[in-house]
Amino acid sequence: MKRKGLVSLLLASVVAGSILVASTTTAERVVAQTPMEAATEYFQAYIAKDVEGMMFYSKDTNYLDEKSREEGYVKDSMTNPTTGYEIVESKQINKDEVQFYVVQKYSGQGYEQSPPLPYKIFKSENGWKVLVEPLEINTFTGEVTKGTPIHALQYTDH
């Protein structure tokens, strides 16, 4: 009888431990209460190659759906040279939008950092989010222009 009680106690503690682990892992992602918090969480996730964090703190117009977005982020994380970032300017657009300019630091590239890249931070129904839009960077002039979304690119073999 004692043995049966011990097994039940062990099973109960395993279940309790699993619930604790599950609740602490989910609790790591906190809804961003400010534009700065959203930007910080997103860029830290980007540098850490944390696909779930990137998806949680952003909306990305490069992809048509969440599945292709996740696949794109996983693929990008394998070659992403970003090692740091600096928010160099911010301006309030309205009460629900802030424009940030972010310089990304790189390693292993022919250039060490990006020019200031524009990111809009917007208030959504579940906290502040970073709007990730396609950008094209001219590495010779530093000019940043609106790019073509990944889902709209046409690849040709010539």
N, C-alpha and C. Protein backbone atom coordinates (compact mmCIF):
# COMPACT_ATOMS: atom_id res chain seq x y z
N MET A 1 0.83 -1.20 0.00
CA MET A 1 0.00 0.00 0.00
C MET A 1 0.87 1.25 0.00
N LYS A 2 1.98 1.21 0.76
CA LYS A 2 2.86 2.36 0.81
C LYS A 2 3.44 2.64 -0.58
N ARG A 3 3.77 1.59 -1.31
CA ARG A 3 4.36 1.72 -2.63
C ARG A 3 3.39 2.44 -3.58
N LYS A 4 2.12 2.09 -3.53
CA LYS A 4 1.11 2.73 -4.39
C LYS A 4 1.00 4.23 -4.07
N GLY A 5 1.06 4.58 -2.80
CA GLY A 5 1.00 5.98 -2.38
C GLY A 5 2.21 6.75 -2.87
N LEU A 6 3.38 6.11 -2.88
CA LEU A 6 4.60 6.75 -3.34
C LEU A 6 4.53 7.03 -4.85
N VAL A 7 4.01 6.06 -5.60
CA VAL A 7 3.87 6.23 -7.05
C VAL A 7 2.89 7.37 -7.35
N SER A 8 1.79 7.42 -6.63
CA SER A 8 0.81 8.50 -6.83
C SER A 8 1.43 9.85 -6.52
N LEU A 9 2.21 9.90 -5.43
CA LEU A 9 2.87 11.14 -5.04
C LEU A 9 3.87 11.58 -6.12
N LEU A 10 4.64 10.65 -6.65
CA LEU A 10 5.61 10.95 -7.71
C LEU A 10 4.89 11.47 -8.96
N LEU A 11 3.82 10.78 -9.36
CA LEU A 11 3.07 11.22 -10.53
C LEU A 11 2.48 12.61 -10.33
N ALA A 12 1.98 12.86 -9.14
CA ALA A 12 1.41 14.18 -8.83
C ALA A 12 2.48 15.26 -8.91
N SER A 13 3.69 14.95 -8.43
CA SER A 13 4.74 15.98 -8.48
C SER A 13 5.24 16.18 -9.91
N VAL A 14 5.26 15.13 -10.74
CA VAL A 14 5.64 15.28 -12.15
C VAL A 14 4.63 16.17 -12.87
N VAL A 15 3.34 15.93 -12.64
CA VAL A 15 2.30 16.74 -13.26
C VAL A 15 2.41 18.19 -12.78
N ALA A 16 2.59 18.38 -11.49
CA ALA A 16 2.72 19.74 -10.95
C ALA A 16 3.95 20.43 -11.54
N GLY A 17 5.03 19.69 -11.65
CA GLY A 17 6.26 20.26 -12.24
C GLY A 17 6.05 20.65 -13.69
N SER A 18 5.32 19.83 -14.44
CA SER A 18 5.04 20.13 -15.85
C SER A 18 4.20 21.40 -15.97
N ILE A 19 3.22 21.53 -15.12
CA ILE A 19 2.37 22.72 -15.15
C ILE A 19 3.20 23.96 -14.82
N LEU A 20 4.08 23.85 -13.84
CA LEU A 20 4.93 24.97 -13.47
C LEU A 20 5.84 25.36 -14.63
N VAL A 21 6.46 24.38 -15.28
CA VAL A 21 7.33 24.65 -16.42
C VAL A 21 6.53 25.30 -17.55
N ALA A 22 5.36 24.76 -17.86
CA ALA A 22 4.54 25.32 -18.93
C ALA A 22 4.12 26.75 -18.63
N SER A 23 3.74 27.01 -17.38
CA SER A 23 3.29 28.37 -17.07
C SER A 23 4.44 29.36 -17.04
N THR A 24 5.64 28.93 -16.64
CA THR A 24 6.75 29.88 -16.64
C THR A 24 7.26 30.14 -18.05
N THR A 25 7.18 29.14 -18.93
CA THR A 25 7.64 29.37 -20.31
C THR A 25 6.69 30.32 -21.03
N THR A 26 5.41 30.15 -20.83
CA THR A 26 4.46 31.05 -21.48
C THR A 26 4.53 32.45 -20.88
N ALA A 27 4.81 32.52 -19.59
CA ALA A 27 4.84 33.80 -18.92
C ALA A 27 6.03 34.66 -19.34
N GLU A 28 7.02 34.06 -20.01
CA GLU A 28 8.17 34.84 -20.46
C GLU A 28 7.77 35.93 -21.44
N ARG A 29 6.79 35.68 -22.26
CA ARG A 29 6.32 36.65 -23.25
C ARG A 29 5.27 37.54 -22.61
N VAL A 30 5.65 38.77 -22.38
CA VAL A 30 4.74 39.72 -21.75
C VAL A 30 4.31 40.72 -22.82
N VAL A 31 3.05 41.01 -22.87
CA VAL A 31 2.53 41.99 -23.83
C VAL A 31 3.23 43.32 -23.60
N ALA A 32 3.76 43.89 -24.68
CA ALA A 32 4.48 45.16 -24.59
C ALA A 32 3.52 46.30 -24.24
N GLN A 33 3.83 47.01 -23.18
CA GLN A 33 2.99 48.11 -22.71
C GLN A 33 3.38 49.46 -23.31
N THR A 34 4.59 49.54 -23.89
CA THR A 34 5.06 50.80 -24.47
C THR A 34 5.73 50.50 -25.82
N PRO A 35 5.84 51.51 -26.68
CA PRO A 35 6.54 51.30 -27.96
C PRO A 35 8.00 50.87 -27.74
N MET A 36 8.69 51.46 -26.77
CA MET A 36 10.09 51.12 -26.51
C MET A 36 10.21 49.66 -26.07
N GLU A 37 9.29 49.21 -25.25
CA GLU A 37 9.31 47.83 -24.78
C GLU A 37 9.13 46.86 -25.97
N ALA A 38 8.21 47.19 -26.88
CA ALA A 38 8.00 46.34 -28.06
C ALA A 38 9.25 46.29 -28.92
N ALA A 39 9.85 47.44 -29.17
CA ALA A 39 11.06 47.49 -29.99
C ALA A 39 12.20 46.71 -29.33
N THR A 40 12.40 46.93 -28.04
CA THR A 40 13.47 46.24 -27.32
C THR A 40 13.27 44.73 -27.36
N GLU A 41 12.08 44.27 -27.06
CA GLU A 41 11.79 42.83 -27.05
C GLU A 41 11.98 42.24 -28.45
N TYR A 42 11.49 42.94 -29.47
CA TYR A 42 11.61 42.44 -30.84
C TYR A 42 13.07 42.33 -31.26
N PHE A 43 13.84 43.40 -31.08
CA PHE A 43 15.24 43.38 -31.54
C PHE A 43 16.10 42.43 -30.71
N GLN A 44 15.81 42.28 -29.43
CA GLN A 44 16.55 41.29 -28.65
C GLN A 44 16.24 39.87 -29.15
N ALA A 45 14.98 39.62 -29.49
CA ALA A 45 14.60 38.32 -30.05
C ALA A 45 15.27 38.12 -31.41
N TYR A 46 15.33 39.17 -32.22
CA TYR A 46 15.94 39.10 -33.55
C TYR A 46 17.42 38.73 -33.43
N ILE A 47 18.13 39.38 -32.53
CA ILE A 47 19.55 39.11 -32.35
C ILE A 47 19.77 37.70 -31.78
N ALA A 48 18.88 37.28 -30.88
CA ALA A 48 18.99 35.95 -30.26
C ALA A 48 18.49 34.84 -31.18
N LYS A 49 17.99 35.22 -32.36
CA LYS A 49 17.41 34.26 -33.32
C LYS A 49 16.23 33.51 -32.68
N ASP A 50 15.47 34.22 -31.86
CA ASP A 50 14.30 33.69 -31.16
C ASP A 50 13.08 33.93 -32.04
N VAL A 51 12.75 32.95 -32.86
CA VAL A 51 11.67 33.08 -33.84
C VAL A 51 10.34 33.37 -33.16
N GLU A 52 10.03 32.66 -32.08
CA GLU A 52 8.76 32.89 -31.37
C GLU A 52 8.66 34.31 -30.85
N GLY A 53 9.74 34.82 -30.28
CA GLY A 53 9.75 36.18 -29.77
C GLY A 53 9.56 37.21 -30.87
N MET A 54 10.24 36.99 -31.99
CA MET A 54 10.09 37.90 -33.13
C MET A 54 8.64 37.94 -33.59
N MET A 55 8.04 36.76 -33.69
CA MET A 55 6.65 36.69 -34.15
C MET A 55 5.69 37.32 -33.14
N PHE A 56 5.97 37.14 -31.86
CA PHE A 56 5.10 37.66 -30.81
C PHE A 56 5.09 39.19 -30.78
N TYR A 57 6.25 39.80 -31.00
CA TYR A 57 6.37 41.26 -30.85
C TYR A 57 6.31 42.03 -32.17
N SER A 58 5.88 41.37 -33.26
CA SER A 58 5.85 42.09 -34.53
C SER A 58 4.71 41.65 -35.43
N LYS A 59 4.49 42.47 -36.43
CA LYS A 59 3.63 42.13 -37.56
C LYS A 59 4.53 42.35 -38.77
N ASP A 60 4.55 41.40 -39.71
CA ASP A 60 5.48 41.47 -40.82
C ASP A 60 4.72 41.41 -42.14
N THR A 61 4.84 42.45 -42.95
CA THR A 61 4.12 42.51 -44.24
C THR A 61 4.86 41.76 -45.35
N ASN A 62 6.01 41.17 -45.04
CA ASN A 62 6.75 40.40 -46.03
C ASN A 62 6.09 39.07 -46.36
N TYR A 63 5.25 38.59 -45.48
CA TYR A 63 4.68 37.25 -45.61
C TYR A 63 3.16 37.30 -45.70
N LEU A 64 2.59 36.31 -46.39
CA LEU A 64 1.14 36.26 -46.56
C LEU A 64 0.43 35.62 -45.36
N ASP A 65 1.13 34.73 -44.66
CA ASP A 65 0.49 34.05 -43.52
C ASP A 65 1.54 33.72 -42.46
N GLU A 66 1.06 33.26 -41.31
CA GLU A 66 1.95 32.99 -40.18
C GLU A 66 2.88 31.80 -40.44
N LYS A 67 2.42 30.81 -41.19
CA LYS A 67 3.25 29.64 -41.48
C LYS A 67 4.46 30.03 -42.33
N SER A 68 4.23 30.79 -43.39
CA SER A 68 5.35 31.19 -44.25
C SER A 68 6.26 32.19 -43.50
N ARG A 69 5.67 32.97 -42.65
CA ARG A 69 6.45 33.91 -41.84
C ARG A 69 7.40 33.15 -40.92
N GLU A 70 6.87 32.15 -40.22
CA GLU A 70 7.70 31.37 -39.31
C GLU A 70 8.82 30.66 -40.09
N GLU A 71 8.48 30.07 -41.23
CA GLU A 71 9.49 29.40 -42.05
C GLU A 71 10.57 30.39 -42.51
N GLY A 72 10.15 31.59 -42.90
CA GLY A 72 11.09 32.62 -43.32
C GLY A 72 12.00 33.05 -42.19
N TYR A 73 11.45 33.21 -40.99
CA TYR A 73 12.25 33.61 -39.83
C TYR A 73 13.26 32.52 -39.47
N VAL A 74 12.84 31.26 -39.53
CA VAL A 74 13.75 30.16 -39.21
C VAL A 74 14.90 30.15 -40.22
N LYS A 75 14.57 30.30 -41.50
CA LYS A 75 15.60 30.31 -42.55
C LYS A 75 16.55 31.50 -42.35
N ASP A 76 15.98 32.68 -42.07
CA ASP A 76 16.78 33.88 -41.86
C ASP A 76 17.69 33.76 -40.64
N SER A 77 17.20 33.09 -39.60
CA SER A 77 17.99 32.99 -38.36
C SER A 77 19.29 32.23 -38.59
N MET A 78 19.35 31.40 -39.62
CA MET A 78 20.57 30.63 -39.89
C MET A 78 21.69 31.49 -40.49
N THR A 79 21.31 32.61 -41.11
CA THR A 79 22.32 33.46 -41.76
C THR A 79 22.33 34.89 -41.24
N ASN A 80 21.49 35.19 -40.27
CA ASN A 80 21.36 36.55 -39.75
C ASN A 80 22.66 37.03 -39.09
N PRO A 81 23.31 38.07 -39.64
CA PRO A 81 24.57 38.54 -39.08
C PRO A 81 24.41 39.64 -38.01
N THR A 82 23.15 39.98 -37.64
CA THR A 82 22.93 41.09 -36.71
C THR A 82 23.40 40.71 -35.30
N THR A 83 24.27 41.56 -34.73
CA THR A 83 24.81 41.29 -33.40
C THR A 83 24.39 42.34 -32.37
N GLY A 84 23.78 43.43 -32.83
CA GLY A 84 23.36 44.48 -31.92
C GLY A 84 22.49 45.50 -32.65
N TYR A 85 21.97 46.43 -31.89
CA TYR A 85 21.14 47.48 -32.49
C TYR A 85 21.19 48.71 -31.60
N GLU A 86 20.83 49.83 -32.20
CA GLU A 86 20.74 51.08 -31.44
C GLU A 86 19.58 51.89 -32.00
N ILE A 87 18.68 52.30 -31.14
CA ILE A 87 17.58 53.18 -31.56
C ILE A 87 18.14 54.59 -31.54
N VAL A 88 18.27 55.20 -32.72
CA VAL A 88 18.94 56.50 -32.81
C VAL A 88 17.97 57.68 -32.85
N GLU A 89 16.70 57.39 -33.14
CA GLU A 89 15.71 58.48 -33.19
C GLU A 89 14.32 57.88 -33.05
N SER A 90 13.43 58.66 -32.47
CA SER A 90 12.03 58.25 -32.43
C SER A 90 11.16 59.49 -32.54
N LYS A 91 10.03 59.34 -33.22
CA LYS A 91 9.08 60.44 -33.25
C LYS A 91 7.66 59.90 -33.20
N GLN A 92 6.88 60.59 -32.42
CA GLN A 92 5.47 60.22 -32.22
C GLN A 92 4.69 60.61 -33.47
N ILE A 93 4.01 59.64 -34.09
CA ILE A 93 3.18 59.93 -35.26
C ILE A 93 1.78 60.33 -34.78
N ASN A 94 1.21 59.51 -33.91
CA ASN A 94 -0.05 59.81 -33.24
C ASN A 94 -0.09 58.97 -31.97
N LYS A 95 -1.20 58.94 -31.27
CA LYS A 95 -1.23 58.24 -29.98
C LYS A 95 -1.05 56.73 -30.11
N ASP A 96 -1.26 56.19 -31.32
CA ASP A 96 -1.14 54.75 -31.53
C ASP A 96 0.04 54.34 -32.40
N GLU A 97 0.89 55.29 -32.80
CA GLU A 97 2.02 54.98 -33.67
C GLU A 97 3.24 55.83 -33.33
N VAL A 98 4.40 55.16 -33.33
CA VAL A 98 5.67 55.84 -33.12
C VAL A 98 6.63 55.35 -34.20
N GLN A 99 7.39 56.26 -34.77
CA GLN A 99 8.40 55.90 -35.77
C GLN A 99 9.75 55.84 -35.08
N PHE A 100 10.42 54.68 -35.16
CA PHE A 100 11.78 54.52 -34.63
C PHE A 100 12.74 54.38 -35.79
N TYR A 101 13.94 54.89 -35.62
CA TYR A 101 15.02 54.67 -36.57
C TYR A 101 16.07 53.85 -35.84
N VAL A 102 16.39 52.68 -36.41
CA VAL A 102 17.24 51.71 -35.74
C VAL A 102 18.47 51.41 -36.60
N VAL A 103 19.64 51.51 -35.98
CA VAL A 103 20.88 51.11 -36.64
C VAL A 103 21.18 49.69 -36.17
N GLN A 104 21.32 48.78 -37.13
CA GLN A 104 21.66 47.40 -36.79
C GLN A 104 23.16 47.19 -36.96
N LYS A 105 23.77 46.50 -36.00
CA LYS A 105 25.21 46.20 -36.03
C LYS A 105 25.38 44.78 -36.58
N TYR A 106 26.40 44.60 -37.42
CA TYR A 106 26.61 43.31 -38.08
C TYR A 106 27.99 42.74 -37.78
N SER A 107 28.11 41.43 -37.94
CA SER A 107 29.43 40.80 -37.88
C SER A 107 29.56 39.92 -39.13
N GLY A 108 30.77 39.82 -39.62
CA GLY A 108 31.03 38.95 -40.75
C GLY A 108 30.56 39.48 -42.08
N GLN A 109 30.29 40.77 -42.18
CA GLN A 109 29.84 41.37 -43.42
C GLN A 109 30.88 42.38 -43.91
N GLY A 110 30.71 42.84 -45.13
CA GLY A 110 31.60 43.87 -45.66
C GLY A 110 31.32 45.23 -45.04
N TYR A 111 30.25 45.37 -44.30
CA TYR A 111 29.90 46.62 -43.63
C TYR A 111 29.57 46.29 -42.18
N GLU A 112 29.80 47.25 -41.29
CA GLU A 112 29.66 46.98 -39.87
C GLU A 112 28.29 47.31 -39.30
N GLN A 113 27.55 48.21 -39.97
CA GLN A 113 26.23 48.57 -39.47
C GLN A 113 25.37 49.10 -40.60
N SER A 114 24.07 49.09 -40.36
CA SER A 114 23.12 49.61 -41.35
C SER A 114 22.99 51.11 -41.18
N PRO A 115 22.48 51.78 -42.20
CA PRO A 115 22.05 53.16 -41.96
C PRO A 115 20.82 53.11 -41.04
N PRO A 116 20.36 54.23 -40.51
CA PRO A 116 19.14 54.20 -39.69
C PRO A 116 17.95 53.66 -40.49
N LEU A 117 17.36 52.56 -40.01
CA LEU A 117 16.24 51.91 -40.69
C LEU A 117 14.93 52.30 -40.00
N PRO A 118 13.91 52.68 -40.78
CA PRO A 118 12.64 53.08 -40.17
C PRO A 118 11.78 51.87 -39.77
N TYR A 119 11.31 51.90 -38.55
CA TYR A 119 10.37 50.89 -38.05
C TYR A 119 9.23 51.62 -37.38
N LYS A 120 8.01 51.28 -37.77
CA LYS A 120 6.84 51.85 -37.13
C LYS A 120 6.43 50.91 -36.00
N ILE A 121 6.17 51.47 -34.84
CA ILE A 121 5.68 50.70 -33.69
C ILE A 121 4.22 51.13 -33.51
N PHE A 122 3.32 50.16 -33.50
CA PHE A 122 1.90 50.52 -33.44
C PHE A 122 1.20 49.78 -32.31
N LYS A 123 0.12 50.39 -31.85
CA LYS A 123 -0.67 49.80 -30.77
C LYS A 123 -1.70 48.86 -31.39
N SER A 124 -1.65 47.60 -30.99
CA SER A 124 -2.61 46.61 -31.48
C SER A 124 -3.54 46.23 -30.34
N GLU A 125 -4.48 45.33 -30.62
CA GLU A 125 -5.39 44.90 -29.54
C GLU A 125 -4.65 44.10 -28.48
N ASN A 126 -3.45 43.53 -28.82
CA ASN A 126 -2.66 42.87 -27.79
C ASN A 126 -1.29 43.53 -27.63
N GLY A 127 -1.32 44.78 -27.22
CA GLY A 127 -0.08 45.50 -26.90
C GLY A 127 0.57 46.15 -28.11
N TRP A 128 1.72 46.74 -27.87
CA TRP A 128 2.48 47.41 -28.93
C TRP A 128 3.24 46.37 -29.74
N LYS A 129 3.35 46.61 -31.05
CA LYS A 129 4.03 45.69 -31.97
C LYS A 129 4.93 46.49 -32.91
N VAL A 130 5.97 45.83 -33.39
CA VAL A 130 6.86 46.41 -34.40
C VAL A 130 6.32 46.00 -35.77
N LEU A 131 6.13 46.98 -36.64
CA LEU A 131 5.71 46.68 -38.01
C LEU A 131 6.97 46.49 -38.85
N VAL A 132 7.15 45.27 -39.33
CA VAL A 132 8.32 44.95 -40.16
C VAL A 132 7.87 45.00 -41.61
N GLU A 133 8.45 45.93 -42.34
CA GLU A 133 8.12 46.10 -43.75
C GLU A 133 9.37 45.86 -44.60
N PRO A 134 9.19 45.49 -45.86
CA PRO A 134 10.37 45.26 -46.71
C PRO A 134 11.12 46.57 -46.97
N LEU A 135 12.44 46.49 -46.82
CA LEU A 135 13.31 47.64 -47.06
C LEU A 135 14.43 47.21 -48.00
N GLU A 136 14.86 48.14 -48.82
CA GLU A 136 16.05 47.92 -49.64
C GLU A 136 17.09 48.93 -49.19
N ILE A 137 18.30 48.44 -48.97
CA ILE A 137 19.39 49.31 -48.50
C ILE A 137 20.47 49.34 -49.58
N ASN A 138 20.79 50.54 -50.04
CA ASN A 138 21.91 50.70 -50.95
C ASN A 138 23.15 50.83 -50.08
N THR A 139 23.99 49.80 -50.08
CA THR A 139 25.15 49.79 -49.18
C THR A 139 26.23 50.78 -49.59
N PHE A 140 26.16 51.30 -50.82
CA PHE A 140 27.14 52.31 -51.25
C PHE A 140 26.75 53.70 -50.79
N THR A 141 25.45 54.03 -50.94
CA THR A 141 25.00 55.39 -50.60
C THR A 141 24.36 55.48 -49.22
N GLY A 142 23.92 54.34 -48.67
CA GLY A 142 23.23 54.35 -47.38
C GLY A 142 21.76 54.69 -47.52
N GLU A 143 21.28 54.82 -48.76
CA GLU A 143 19.88 55.16 -48.99
C GLU A 143 18.99 53.96 -48.67
N VAL A 144 17.91 54.23 -47.95
CA VAL A 144 16.94 53.20 -47.57
C VAL A 144 15.63 53.52 -48.27
N THR A 145 15.10 52.56 -49.03
CA THR A 145 13.83 52.74 -49.72
C THR A 145 12.91 51.57 -49.42
N LYS A 146 11.63 51.76 -49.71
CA LYS A 146 10.65 50.70 -49.52
C LYS A 146 10.99 49.57 -50.49
N GLY A 147 10.96 48.34 -49.98
CA GLY A 147 11.31 47.18 -50.79
C GLY A 147 10.09 46.40 -51.24
N THR A 148 10.35 45.25 -51.82
CA THR A 148 9.30 44.35 -52.29
C THR A 148 9.11 43.25 -51.24
N PRO A 149 7.87 42.96 -50.85
CA PRO A 149 7.65 41.89 -49.89
C PRO A 149 8.19 40.56 -50.41
N ILE A 150 8.70 39.74 -49.52
CA ILE A 150 9.26 38.44 -49.89
C ILE A 150 8.27 37.62 -50.70
N HIS A 151 6.99 37.66 -50.30
CA HIS A 151 5.99 36.85 -51.00
C HIS A 151 5.75 37.31 -52.44
N ALA A 152 6.16 38.52 -52.77
CA ALA A 152 5.91 39.06 -54.12
C ALA A 152 7.14 38.98 -55.02
N LEU A 153 8.28 38.56 -54.48
CA LEU A 153 9.49 38.49 -55.29
C LEU A 153 9.37 37.40 -56.34
N GLN A 154 9.85 37.68 -57.52
CA GLN A 154 9.86 36.70 -58.61
C GLN A 154 11.30 36.26 -58.83
N TYR A 155 11.55 34.99 -58.71
CA TYR A 155 12.89 34.47 -58.95
C TYR A 155 12.96 33.88 -60.35
N THR A 156 14.03 34.23 -61.07
CA THR A 156 14.20 33.68 -62.43
C THR A 156 15.59 33.10 -62.56
N ASP A 157 15.71 32.09 -63.40
CA ASP A 157 17.01 31.49 -63.69
C ASP A 157 17.45 31.94 -65.06
N HIS A 158 18.40 32.84 -65.11
CA HIS A 158 18.91 33.32 -66.41
C HIS A 158 20.36 33.04 -66.51
